[in-house]
Full PDB file with SEQRES, HELIX, SHEET, SSBOND, CRYST1, ORIGX, SCALE, CONECT and MASTER records, all heavy atoms in Angstrom:
SEQRES   1 A   36  ARG PRO LEU ASP GLU LYS VAL PHE GLU PRO VAL CYS ASN          
SEQRES   2 A   36  ALA ILE ARG LYS VAL LYS ALA ALA LEU PRO PRO LYS VAL          
SEQRES   3 A   36  THR MET LEU GLY PHE ALA GLY ALA PRO TRP                      
HELIX    1 AA1 GLU A    5  PHE A    8  5                                   4    
HELIX    2 AA2 GLU A    9  ALA A   21  1                                  13    
CRYST1    1.000    1.000    1.000  90.00  90.00  90.00 P 1           1          
ORIGX1      1.000000  0.000000  0.000000        0.00000                         
ORIGX2      0.000000  1.000000  0.000000        0.00000                         
ORIGX3      0.000000  0.000000  1.000000        0.00000                         
SCALE1      1.000000  0.000000  0.000000        0.00000                         
SCALE2      0.000000  1.000000  0.000000        0.00000                         
SCALE3      0.000000  0.000000  1.000000        0.00000                         
ATOM      1  N   ARG A   1     -25.006  12.049  10.870  1.00  0.00           N  
ATOM      2  CA  ARG A   1     -24.517  13.014   9.878  1.00  0.00           C  
ATOM      3  C   ARG A   1     -24.024  12.256   8.635  1.00  0.00           C  
ATOM      4  O   ARG A   1     -23.245  11.307   8.744  1.00  0.00           O  
ATOM      5  CB  ARG A   1     -23.375  13.814  10.494  1.00  0.00           C  
ATOM      6  CG  ARG A   1     -22.751  14.831   9.553  1.00  0.00           C  
ATOM      7  CD  ARG A   1     -21.569  15.509  10.221  1.00  0.00           C  
ATOM      8  NE  ARG A   1     -20.949  16.452   9.306  1.00  0.00           N  
ATOM      9  CZ  ARG A   1     -20.698  17.721   9.600  1.00  0.00           C  
ATOM     10  NH1 ARG A   1     -20.990  18.186  10.797  1.00  0.00           N  
ATOM     11  NH2 ARG A   1     -20.125  18.510   8.724  1.00  0.00           N  
ATOM     12  N   PRO A   2     -24.445  12.649   7.437  1.00  0.00           N  
ATOM     13  CA  PRO A   2     -24.002  11.923   6.232  1.00  0.00           C  
ATOM     14  C   PRO A   2     -22.531  12.200   5.914  1.00  0.00           C  
ATOM     15  O   PRO A   2     -21.976  13.238   6.304  1.00  0.00           O  
ATOM     16  CB  PRO A   2     -24.920  12.453   5.133  1.00  0.00           C  
ATOM     17  CG  PRO A   2     -25.383  13.787   5.619  1.00  0.00           C  
ATOM     18  CD  PRO A   2     -25.408  13.720   7.111  1.00  0.00           C  
ATOM     19  N   LEU A   3     -21.929  11.288   5.211  1.00  0.00           N  
ATOM     20  CA  LEU A   3     -20.542  11.419   4.760  1.00  0.00           C  
ATOM     21  C   LEU A   3     -20.485  12.475   3.649  1.00  0.00           C  
ATOM     22  O   LEU A   3     -21.242  12.398   2.683  1.00  0.00           O  
ATOM     23  CB  LEU A   3     -20.085  10.059   4.226  1.00  0.00           C  
ATOM     24  CG  LEU A   3     -18.616   9.801   3.964  1.00  0.00           C  
ATOM     25  CD1 LEU A   3     -17.818   9.823   5.261  1.00  0.00           C  
ATOM     26  CD2 LEU A   3     -18.443   8.446   3.271  1.00  0.00           C  
ATOM     27  N   ASP A   4     -19.598  13.442   3.798  1.00  0.00           N  
ATOM     28  CA  ASP A   4     -19.432  14.483   2.775  1.00  0.00           C  
ATOM     29  C   ASP A   4     -18.393  14.011   1.758  1.00  0.00           C  
ATOM     30  O   ASP A   4     -17.193  14.203   1.940  1.00  0.00           O  
ATOM     31  CB  ASP A   4     -19.003  15.798   3.432  1.00  0.00           C  
ATOM     32  CG  ASP A   4     -18.799  16.920   2.428  1.00  0.00           C  
ATOM     33  OD1 ASP A   4     -19.100  16.711   1.233  1.00  0.00           O  
ATOM     34  OD2 ASP A   4     -18.327  18.002   2.832  1.00  0.00           O  
ATOM     35  N   GLU A   5     -18.880  13.406   0.682  1.00  0.00           N  
ATOM     36  CA  GLU A   5     -17.955  12.791  -0.287  1.00  0.00           C  
ATOM     37  C   GLU A   5     -17.171  13.818  -1.096  1.00  0.00           C  
ATOM     38  O   GLU A   5     -16.198  13.447  -1.760  1.00  0.00           O  
ATOM     39  CB  GLU A   5     -18.718  11.836  -1.194  1.00  0.00           C  
ATOM     40  CG  GLU A   5     -19.244  10.629  -0.426  1.00  0.00           C  
ATOM     41  CD  GLU A   5     -19.847   9.554  -1.327  1.00  0.00           C  
ATOM     42  OE1 GLU A   5     -19.755   9.681  -2.566  1.00  0.00           O  
ATOM     43  OE2 GLU A   5     -20.404   8.587  -0.778  1.00  0.00           O  
ATOM     44  N   LYS A   6     -17.548  15.090  -1.024  1.00  0.00           N  
ATOM     45  CA  LYS A   6     -16.756  16.115  -1.730  1.00  0.00           C  
ATOM     46  C   LYS A   6     -15.327  16.159  -1.195  1.00  0.00           C  
ATOM     47  O   LYS A   6     -14.399  16.515  -1.915  1.00  0.00           O  
ATOM     48  CB  LYS A   6     -17.405  17.496  -1.582  1.00  0.00           C  
ATOM     49  CG  LYS A   6     -18.708  17.676  -2.323  1.00  0.00           C  
ATOM     50  CD  LYS A   6     -19.069  19.151  -2.505  1.00  0.00           C  
ATOM     51  CE  LYS A   6     -19.284  19.878  -1.197  1.00  0.00           C  
ATOM     52  NZ  LYS A   6     -20.444  19.371  -0.420  1.00  0.00           N  
ATOM     53  N   VAL A   7     -15.157  15.787   0.079  1.00  0.00           N  
ATOM     54  CA  VAL A   7     -13.821  15.764   0.687  1.00  0.00           C  
ATOM     55  C   VAL A   7     -12.899  14.788  -0.052  1.00  0.00           C  
ATOM     56  O   VAL A   7     -11.681  14.967  -0.073  1.00  0.00           O  
ATOM     57  CB  VAL A   7     -13.942  15.391   2.186  1.00  0.00           C  
ATOM     58  CG1 VAL A   7     -12.577  15.173   2.825  1.00  0.00           C  
ATOM     59  CG2 VAL A   7     -14.707  16.475   2.939  1.00  0.00           C  
ATOM     60  N   PHE A   8     -13.489  13.759  -0.675  1.00  0.00           N  
ATOM     61  CA  PHE A   8     -12.685  12.726  -1.342  1.00  0.00           C  
ATOM     62  C   PHE A   8     -12.325  13.091  -2.786  1.00  0.00           C  
ATOM     63  O   PHE A   8     -11.569  12.366  -3.432  1.00  0.00           O  
ATOM     64  CB  PHE A   8     -13.442  11.395  -1.353  1.00  0.00           C  
ATOM     65  CG  PHE A   8     -13.816  10.874   0.012  1.00  0.00           C  
ATOM     66  CD1 PHE A   8     -14.945  10.080   0.178  1.00  0.00           C  
ATOM     67  CD2 PHE A   8     -13.043  11.154   1.129  1.00  0.00           C  
ATOM     68  CE1 PHE A   8     -15.299   9.582   1.426  1.00  0.00           C  
ATOM     69  CE2 PHE A   8     -13.390  10.668   2.386  1.00  0.00           C  
ATOM     70  CZ  PHE A   8     -14.529   9.882   2.526  1.00  0.00           C  
ATOM     71  N   GLU A   9     -12.873  14.180  -3.301  1.00  0.00           N  
ATOM     72  CA  GLU A   9     -12.650  14.496  -4.724  1.00  0.00           C  
ATOM     73  C   GLU A   9     -11.176  14.738  -5.070  1.00  0.00           C  
ATOM     74  O   GLU A   9     -10.700  14.244  -6.092  1.00  0.00           O  
ATOM     75  CB  GLU A   9     -13.519  15.685  -5.141  1.00  0.00           C  
ATOM     76  CG  GLU A   9     -14.986  15.307  -5.282  1.00  0.00           C  
ATOM     77  CD  GLU A   9     -15.899  16.499  -5.563  1.00  0.00           C  
ATOM     78  OE1 GLU A   9     -15.378  17.638  -5.752  1.00  0.00           O  
ATOM     79  OE2 GLU A   9     -17.131  16.287  -5.591  1.00  0.00           O  
ATOM     80  N   PRO A  10     -10.391  15.475  -4.231  1.00  0.00           N  
ATOM     81  CA  PRO A  10      -8.990  15.686  -4.608  1.00  0.00           C  
ATOM     82  C   PRO A  10      -8.202  14.378  -4.767  1.00  0.00           C  
ATOM     83  O   PRO A  10      -7.435  14.226  -5.721  1.00  0.00           O  
ATOM     84  CB  PRO A  10      -8.432  16.537  -3.461  1.00  0.00           C  
ATOM     85  CG  PRO A  10      -9.626  17.249  -2.915  1.00  0.00           C  
ATOM     86  CD  PRO A  10     -10.756  16.274  -3.042  1.00  0.00           C  
ATOM     87  N   VAL A  11      -8.384  13.428  -3.845  1.00  0.00           N  
ATOM     88  CA  VAL A  11      -7.611  12.185  -3.947  1.00  0.00           C  
ATOM     89  C   VAL A  11      -8.069  11.362  -5.154  1.00  0.00           C  
ATOM     90  O   VAL A  11      -7.254  10.749  -5.851  1.00  0.00           O  
ATOM     91  CB  VAL A  11      -7.655  11.369  -2.634  1.00  0.00           C  
ATOM     92  CG1 VAL A  11      -9.030  10.813  -2.335  1.00  0.00           C  
ATOM     93  CG2 VAL A  11      -6.653  10.216  -2.692  1.00  0.00           C  
ATOM     94  N   CYS A  12      -9.362  11.359  -5.441  1.00  0.00           N  
ATOM     95  CA  CYS A  12      -9.837  10.604  -6.610  1.00  0.00           C  
ATOM     96  C   CYS A  12      -9.328  11.230  -7.903  1.00  0.00           C  
ATOM     97  O   CYS A  12      -8.930  10.517  -8.836  1.00  0.00           O  
ATOM     98  CB  CYS A  12     -11.357  10.520  -6.590  1.00  0.00           C  
ATOM     99  SG  CYS A  12     -11.993   9.483  -5.243  1.00  0.00           S  
ATOM    100  N   ASN A  13      -9.310  12.567  -7.957  1.00  0.00           N  
ATOM    101  CA  ASN A  13      -8.738  13.240  -9.136  1.00  0.00           C  
ATOM    102  C   ASN A  13      -7.248  12.947  -9.269  1.00  0.00           C  
ATOM    103  O   ASN A  13      -6.738  12.761 -10.383  1.00  0.00           O  
ATOM    104  CB  ASN A  13      -8.968  14.760  -9.039  1.00  0.00           C  
ATOM    105  CG  ASN A  13     -10.417  15.138  -9.276  1.00  0.00           C  
ATOM    106  OD1 ASN A  13     -11.150  14.417  -9.964  1.00  0.00           O  
ATOM    107  ND2 ASN A  13     -10.851  16.260  -8.718  1.00  0.00           N  
ATOM    108  N   ALA A  14      -6.548  12.891  -8.131  1.00  0.00           N  
ATOM    109  CA  ALA A  14      -5.111  12.578  -8.173  1.00  0.00           C  
ATOM    110  C   ALA A  14      -4.878  11.162  -8.697  1.00  0.00           C  
ATOM    111  O   ALA A  14      -3.951  10.925  -9.480  1.00  0.00           O  
ATOM    112  CB  ALA A  14      -4.500  12.745  -6.780  1.00  0.00           C  
ATOM    113  N   ILE A  15      -5.723  10.221  -8.284  1.00  0.00           N  
ATOM    114  CA  ILE A  15      -5.589   8.840  -8.785  1.00  0.00           C  
ATOM    115  C   ILE A  15      -5.733   8.819 -10.307  1.00  0.00           C  
ATOM    116  O   ILE A  15      -4.951   8.157 -11.012  1.00  0.00           O  
ATOM    117  CB  ILE A  15      -6.619   7.913  -8.115  1.00  0.00           C  
ATOM    118  CG1 ILE A  15      -6.224   7.656  -6.654  1.00  0.00           C  
ATOM    119  CG2 ILE A  15      -6.744   6.577  -8.866  1.00  0.00           C  
ATOM    120  CD1 ILE A  15      -7.280   6.913  -5.837  1.00  0.00           C  
ATOM    121  N   ARG A  16      -6.712   9.549 -10.833  1.00  0.00           N  
ATOM    122  CA  ARG A  16      -6.905   9.587 -12.295  1.00  0.00           C  
ATOM    123  C   ARG A  16      -5.658  10.117 -12.994  1.00  0.00           C  
ATOM    124  O   ARG A  16      -5.230   9.587 -14.024  1.00  0.00           O  
ATOM    125  CB  ARG A  16      -8.117  10.459 -12.645  1.00  0.00           C  
ATOM    126  CG  ARG A  16      -9.446   9.878 -12.193  1.00  0.00           C  
ATOM    127  CD  ARG A  16     -10.643  10.735 -12.623  1.00  0.00           C  
ATOM    128  NE  ARG A  16     -11.850  10.217 -11.993  1.00  0.00           N  
ATOM    129  CZ  ARG A  16     -12.399  10.704 -10.877  1.00  0.00           C  
ATOM    130  NH1 ARG A  16     -11.848  11.757 -10.283  1.00  0.00           N  
ATOM    131  NH2 ARG A  16     -13.477  10.170 -10.364  1.00  0.00           N  
ATOM    132  N   LYS A  17      -5.066  11.156 -12.414  1.00  0.00           N  
ATOM    133  CA  LYS A  17      -3.883  11.768 -13.036  1.00  0.00           C  
ATOM    134  C   LYS A  17      -2.671  10.844 -12.975  1.00  0.00           C  
ATOM    135  O   LYS A  17      -1.912  10.735 -13.935  1.00  0.00           O  
ATOM    136  CB  LYS A  17      -3.587  13.117 -12.362  1.00  0.00           C  
ATOM    137  CG  LYS A  17      -4.641  14.169 -12.696  1.00  0.00           C  
ATOM    138  CD  LYS A  17      -4.512  15.434 -11.852  1.00  0.00           C  
ATOM    139  CE  LYS A  17      -5.627  16.410 -12.229  1.00  0.00           C  
ATOM    140  NZ  LYS A  17      -5.631  17.617 -11.395  1.00  0.00           N  
ATOM    141  N   VAL A  18      -2.481  10.180 -11.823  1.00  0.00           N  
ATOM    142  CA  VAL A  18      -1.349   9.245 -11.693  1.00  0.00           C  
ATOM    143  C   VAL A  18      -1.531   8.079 -12.650  1.00  0.00           C  
ATOM    144  O   VAL A  18      -0.598   7.682 -13.368  1.00  0.00           O  
ATOM    145  CB  VAL A  18      -1.220   8.738 -10.242  1.00  0.00           C  
ATOM    146  CG1 VAL A  18      -0.161   7.642 -10.152  1.00  0.00           C  
ATOM    147  CG2 VAL A  18      -0.873   9.887  -9.303  1.00  0.00           C  
ATOM    148  N   LYS A  19      -2.736   7.518 -12.667  1.00  0.00           N  
ATOM    149  CA  LYS A  19      -2.996   6.343 -13.524  1.00  0.00           C  
ATOM    150  C   LYS A  19      -2.650   6.650 -14.975  1.00  0.00           C  
ATOM    151  O   LYS A  19      -2.078   5.822 -15.688  1.00  0.00           O  
ATOM    152  CB  LYS A  19      -4.467   5.953 -13.375  1.00  0.00           C  
ATOM    153  CG  LYS A  19      -4.879   4.711 -14.141  1.00  0.00           C  
ATOM    154  CD  LYS A  19      -4.453   3.449 -13.411  1.00  0.00           C  
ATOM    155  CE  LYS A  19      -4.835   2.206 -14.196  1.00  0.00           C  
ATOM    156  NZ  LYS A  19      -6.275   2.083 -14.396  1.00  0.00           N  
ATOM    157  N   ALA A  20      -2.999   7.856 -15.432  1.00  0.00           N  
ATOM    158  CA  ALA A  20      -2.736   8.227 -16.822  1.00  0.00           C  
ATOM    159  C   ALA A  20      -1.241   8.353 -17.118  1.00  0.00           C  
ATOM    160  O   ALA A  20      -0.817   8.219 -18.268  1.00  0.00           O  
ATOM    161  CB  ALA A  20      -3.437   9.548 -17.138  1.00  0.00           C  
ATOM    162  N   ALA A  21      -0.443   8.589 -16.074  1.00  0.00           N  
ATOM    163  CA  ALA A  21       0.992   8.833 -16.268  1.00  0.00           C  
ATOM    164  C   ALA A  21       1.872   7.632 -15.929  1.00  0.00           C  
ATOM    165  O   ALA A  21       3.077   7.670 -16.165  1.00  0.00           O  
ATOM    166  CB  ALA A  21       1.417  10.029 -15.419  1.00  0.00           C  
ATOM    167  N   LEU A  22       1.302   6.565 -15.376  1.00  0.00           N  
ATOM    168  CA  LEU A  22       2.115   5.434 -14.915  1.00  0.00           C  
ATOM    169  C   LEU A  22       2.641   4.591 -16.072  1.00  0.00           C  
ATOM    170  O   LEU A  22       1.945   4.387 -17.064  1.00  0.00           O  
ATOM    171  CB  LEU A  22       1.284   4.523 -13.995  1.00  0.00           C  
ATOM    172  CG  LEU A  22       1.096   4.941 -12.544  1.00  0.00           C  
ATOM    173  CD1 LEU A  22       0.227   3.918 -11.822  1.00  0.00           C  
ATOM    174  CD2 LEU A  22       2.431   5.105 -11.829  1.00  0.00           C  
ATOM    175  N   PRO A  23       3.857   4.040 -15.914  1.00  0.00           N  
ATOM    176  CA  PRO A  23       4.310   3.016 -16.853  1.00  0.00           C  
ATOM    177  C   PRO A  23       3.354   1.819 -16.818  1.00  0.00           C  
ATOM    178  O   PRO A  23       2.758   1.537 -15.770  1.00  0.00           O  
ATOM    179  CB  PRO A  23       5.698   2.625 -16.323  1.00  0.00           C  
ATOM    180  CG  PRO A  23       6.105   3.727 -15.409  1.00  0.00           C  
ATOM    181  CD  PRO A  23       4.847   4.325 -14.865  1.00  0.00           C  
ATOM    182  N   PRO A  24       3.200   1.106 -17.942  1.00  0.00           N  
ATOM    183  CA  PRO A  24       2.223   0.012 -18.000  1.00  0.00           C  
ATOM    184  C   PRO A  24       2.438  -1.079 -16.945  1.00  0.00           C  
ATOM    185  O   PRO A  24       1.476  -1.710 -16.509  1.00  0.00           O  
ATOM    186  CB  PRO A  24       2.412  -0.561 -19.410  1.00  0.00           C  
ATOM    187  CG  PRO A  24       3.038   0.535 -20.198  1.00  0.00           C  
ATOM    188  CD  PRO A  24       3.850   1.343 -19.237  1.00  0.00           C  
ATOM    189  N   LYS A  25       3.678  -1.281 -16.486  1.00  0.00           N  
ATOM    190  CA  LYS A  25       3.946  -2.380 -15.545  1.00  0.00           C  
ATOM    191  C   LYS A  25       3.553  -2.051 -14.106  1.00  0.00           C  
ATOM    192  O   LYS A  25       3.502  -2.921 -13.248  1.00  0.00           O  
ATOM    193  CB  LYS A  25       5.431  -2.771 -15.590  1.00  0.00           C  
ATOM    194  CG  LYS A  25       6.337  -1.885 -14.745  1.00  0.00           C  
ATOM    195  CD  LYS A  25       7.750  -2.413 -14.690  1.00  0.00           C  
ATOM    196  CE  LYS A  25       8.594  -1.695 -13.637  1.00  0.00           C  
ATOM    197  NZ  LYS A  25       8.464  -2.209 -12.294  1.00  0.00           N  
ATOM    198  N   VAL A  26       3.283  -0.757 -13.813  1.00  0.00           N  
ATOM    199  CA  VAL A  26       3.071  -0.323 -12.430  1.00  0.00           C  
ATOM    200  C   VAL A  26       1.577  -0.318 -12.090  1.00  0.00           C  
ATOM    201  O   VAL A  26       0.763   0.245 -12.817  1.00  0.00           O  
ATOM    202  CB  VAL A  26       3.674   1.070 -12.178  1.00  0.00           C  
ATOM    203  CG1 VAL A  26       3.435   1.513 -10.735  1.00  0.00           C  
ATOM    204  CG2 VAL A  26       5.176   1.054 -12.470  1.00  0.00           C  
ATOM    205  N   THR A  27       1.242  -0.949 -10.961  1.00  0.00           N  
ATOM    206  CA  THR A  27      -0.139  -1.052 -10.498  1.00  0.00           C  
ATOM    207  C   THR A  27      -0.503   0.162  -9.650  1.00  0.00           C  
ATOM    208  O   THR A  27       0.263   0.558  -8.765  1.00  0.00           O  
ATOM    209  CB  THR A  27      -0.311  -2.343  -9.666  1.00  0.00           C  
ATOM    210  OG1 THR A  27       0.029  -3.462 -10.488  1.00  0.00           O  
ATOM    211  CG2 THR A  27      -1.740  -2.507  -9.168  1.00  0.00           C  
ATOM    212  N   MET A  28      -1.685   0.710  -9.912  1.00  0.00           N  
ATOM    213  CA  MET A  28      -2.189   1.857  -9.137  1.00  0.00           C  
ATOM    214  C   MET A  28      -2.882   1.354  -7.886  1.00  0.00           C  
ATOM    215  O   MET A  28      -3.802   0.539  -7.954  1.00  0.00           O  
ATOM    216  CB  MET A  28      -3.189   2.639  -9.999  1.00  0.00           C  
ATOM    217  CG  MET A  28      -3.747   3.878  -9.342  1.00  0.00           C  
ATOM    218  SD  MET A  28      -2.588   5.258  -9.368  1.00  0.00           S  
ATOM    219  CE  MET A  28      -2.491   5.658  -7.613  1.00  0.00           C  
ATOM    220  N   LEU A  29      -2.442   1.845  -6.714  1.00  0.00           N  
ATOM    221  CA  LEU A  29      -2.988   1.402  -5.426  1.00  0.00           C  
ATOM    222  C   LEU A  29      -3.666   2.555  -4.695  1.00  0.00           C  
ATOM    223  O   LEU A  29      -3.159   3.674  -4.669  1.00  0.00           O  
ATOM    224  CB  LEU A  29      -1.869   0.842  -4.539  1.00  0.00           C  
ATOM    225  CG  LEU A  29      -1.109  -0.371  -5.083  1.00  0.00           C  
ATOM    226  CD1 LEU A  29       0.093  -0.679  -4.197  1.00  0.00           C  
ATOM    227  CD2 LEU A  29      -2.021  -1.585  -5.179  1.00  0.00           C  
ATOM    228  N   GLY A  30      -4.821   2.265  -4.093  1.00  0.00           N  
ATOM    229  CA  GLY A  30      -5.486   3.200  -3.197  1.00  0.00           C  
ATOM    230  C   GLY A  30      -5.446   2.662  -1.776  1.00  0.00           C  
ATOM    231  O   GLY A  30      -4.991   1.543  -1.537  1.00  0.00           O  
ATOM    232  N   PHE A  31      -5.950   3.449  -0.826  1.00  0.00           N  
ATOM    233  CA  PHE A  31      -5.934   2.970   0.562  1.00  0.00           C  
ATOM    234  C   PHE A  31      -6.932   3.737   1.412  1.00  0.00           C  
ATOM    235  O   PHE A  31      -7.419   4.806   1.033  1.00  0.00           O  
ATOM    236  CB  PHE A  31      -4.529   3.080   1.168  1.00  0.00           C  
ATOM    237  CG  PHE A  31      -4.098   4.470   1.514  1.00  0.00           C  
ATOM    238  CD1 PHE A  31      -4.302   4.993   2.787  1.00  0.00           C  
ATOM    239  CD2 PHE A  31      -3.476   5.277   0.570  1.00  0.00           C  
ATOM    240  CE1 PHE A  31      -3.899   6.284   3.113  1.00  0.00           C  
ATOM    241  CE2 PHE A  31      -3.058   6.570   0.884  1.00  0.00           C  
ATOM    242  CZ  PHE A  31      -3.276   7.072   2.165  1.00  0.00           C  
ATOM    243  N   ALA A  32      -7.199   3.185   2.583  1.00  0.00           N  
ATOM    244  CA  ALA A  32      -8.031   3.855   3.593  1.00  0.00           C  
ATOM    245  C   ALA A  32      -7.589   3.378   4.966  1.00  0.00           C  
ATOM    246  O   ALA A  32      -6.952   2.332   5.113  1.00  0.00           O  
ATOM    247  CB  ALA A  32      -9.514   3.539   3.374  1.00  0.00           C  
ATOM    248  N   GLY A  33      -7.967   4.154   5.984  1.00  0.00           N  
ATOM    249  CA  GLY A  33      -7.727   3.755   7.363  1.00  0.00           C  
ATOM    250  C   GLY A  33      -8.813   2.798   7.827  1.00  0.00           C  
ATOM    251  O   GLY A  33      -9.980   2.910   7.421  1.00  0.00           O  
ATOM    252  N   ALA A  34      -8.439   1.846   8.678  1.00  0.00           N  
ATOM    253  CA  ALA A  34      -9.398   0.866   9.205  1.00  0.00           C  
ATOM    254  C   ALA A  34     -10.208   1.493  10.349  1.00  0.00           C  
ATOM    255  O   ALA A  34      -9.777   2.463  10.979  1.00  0.00           O  
ATOM    256  CB  ALA A  34      -8.659  -0.380   9.681  1.00  0.00           C  
ATOM    257  N   PRO A  35     -11.386   0.929  10.631  1.00  0.00           N  
ATOM    258  CA  PRO A  35     -12.300   1.554  11.598  1.00  0.00           C  
ATOM    259  C   PRO A  35     -11.693   1.831  12.976  1.00  0.00           C  
ATOM    260  O   PRO A  35     -11.863   2.933  13.518  1.00  0.00           O  
ATOM    261  CB  PRO A  35     -13.466   0.564  11.670  1.00  0.00           C  
ATOM    262  CG  PRO A  35     -13.465  -0.088  10.318  1.00  0.00           C  
ATOM    263  CD  PRO A  35     -12.025  -0.188   9.920  1.00  0.00           C  
ATOM    264  N   TRP A  36     -10.984   0.847  13.556  1.00  0.00           N  
ATOM    265  CA  TRP A  36     -10.444   1.093  14.905  1.00  0.00           C  
ATOM    266  C   TRP A  36      -9.432   2.240  14.899  1.00  0.00           C  
ATOM    267  O   TRP A  36      -9.449   3.107  15.777  1.00  0.00           O  
ATOM    268  CB  TRP A  36      -9.815  -0.172  15.501  1.00  0.00           C  
ATOM    269  CG  TRP A  36      -8.780   0.141  16.553  1.00  0.00           C  
ATOM    270  CD1 TRP A  36      -7.445  -0.084  16.491  1.00  0.00           C  
ATOM    271  CD2 TRP A  36      -9.003   0.803  17.828  1.00  0.00           C  
ATOM    272  NE1 TRP A  36      -6.808   0.391  17.621  1.00  0.00           N  
ATOM    273  CE2 TRP A  36      -7.742   0.935  18.458  1.00  0.00           C  
ATOM    274  CE3 TRP A  36     -10.131   1.296  18.475  1.00  0.00           C  
ATOM    275  CZ2 TRP A  36      -7.584   1.528  19.705  1.00  0.00           C  
ATOM    276  CZ3 TRP A  36      -9.975   1.903  19.728  1.00  0.00           C  
ATOM    277  CH2 TRP A  36      -8.717   2.007  20.334  1.00  0.00           C  
TER     278      TRP A  36                                                      
MASTER        0    0    0    2    0    0    0    6  277    1    0    3          
END                                                                             
């Protein structure tokens, strides 16, 4: 079964919004769960 990437759209949109609002000194971090 293929990965349904539409499920990831809300978090990617949230990253864009946070990045635009962050102070310049703050690094934007993402994450995922490991396979096991």
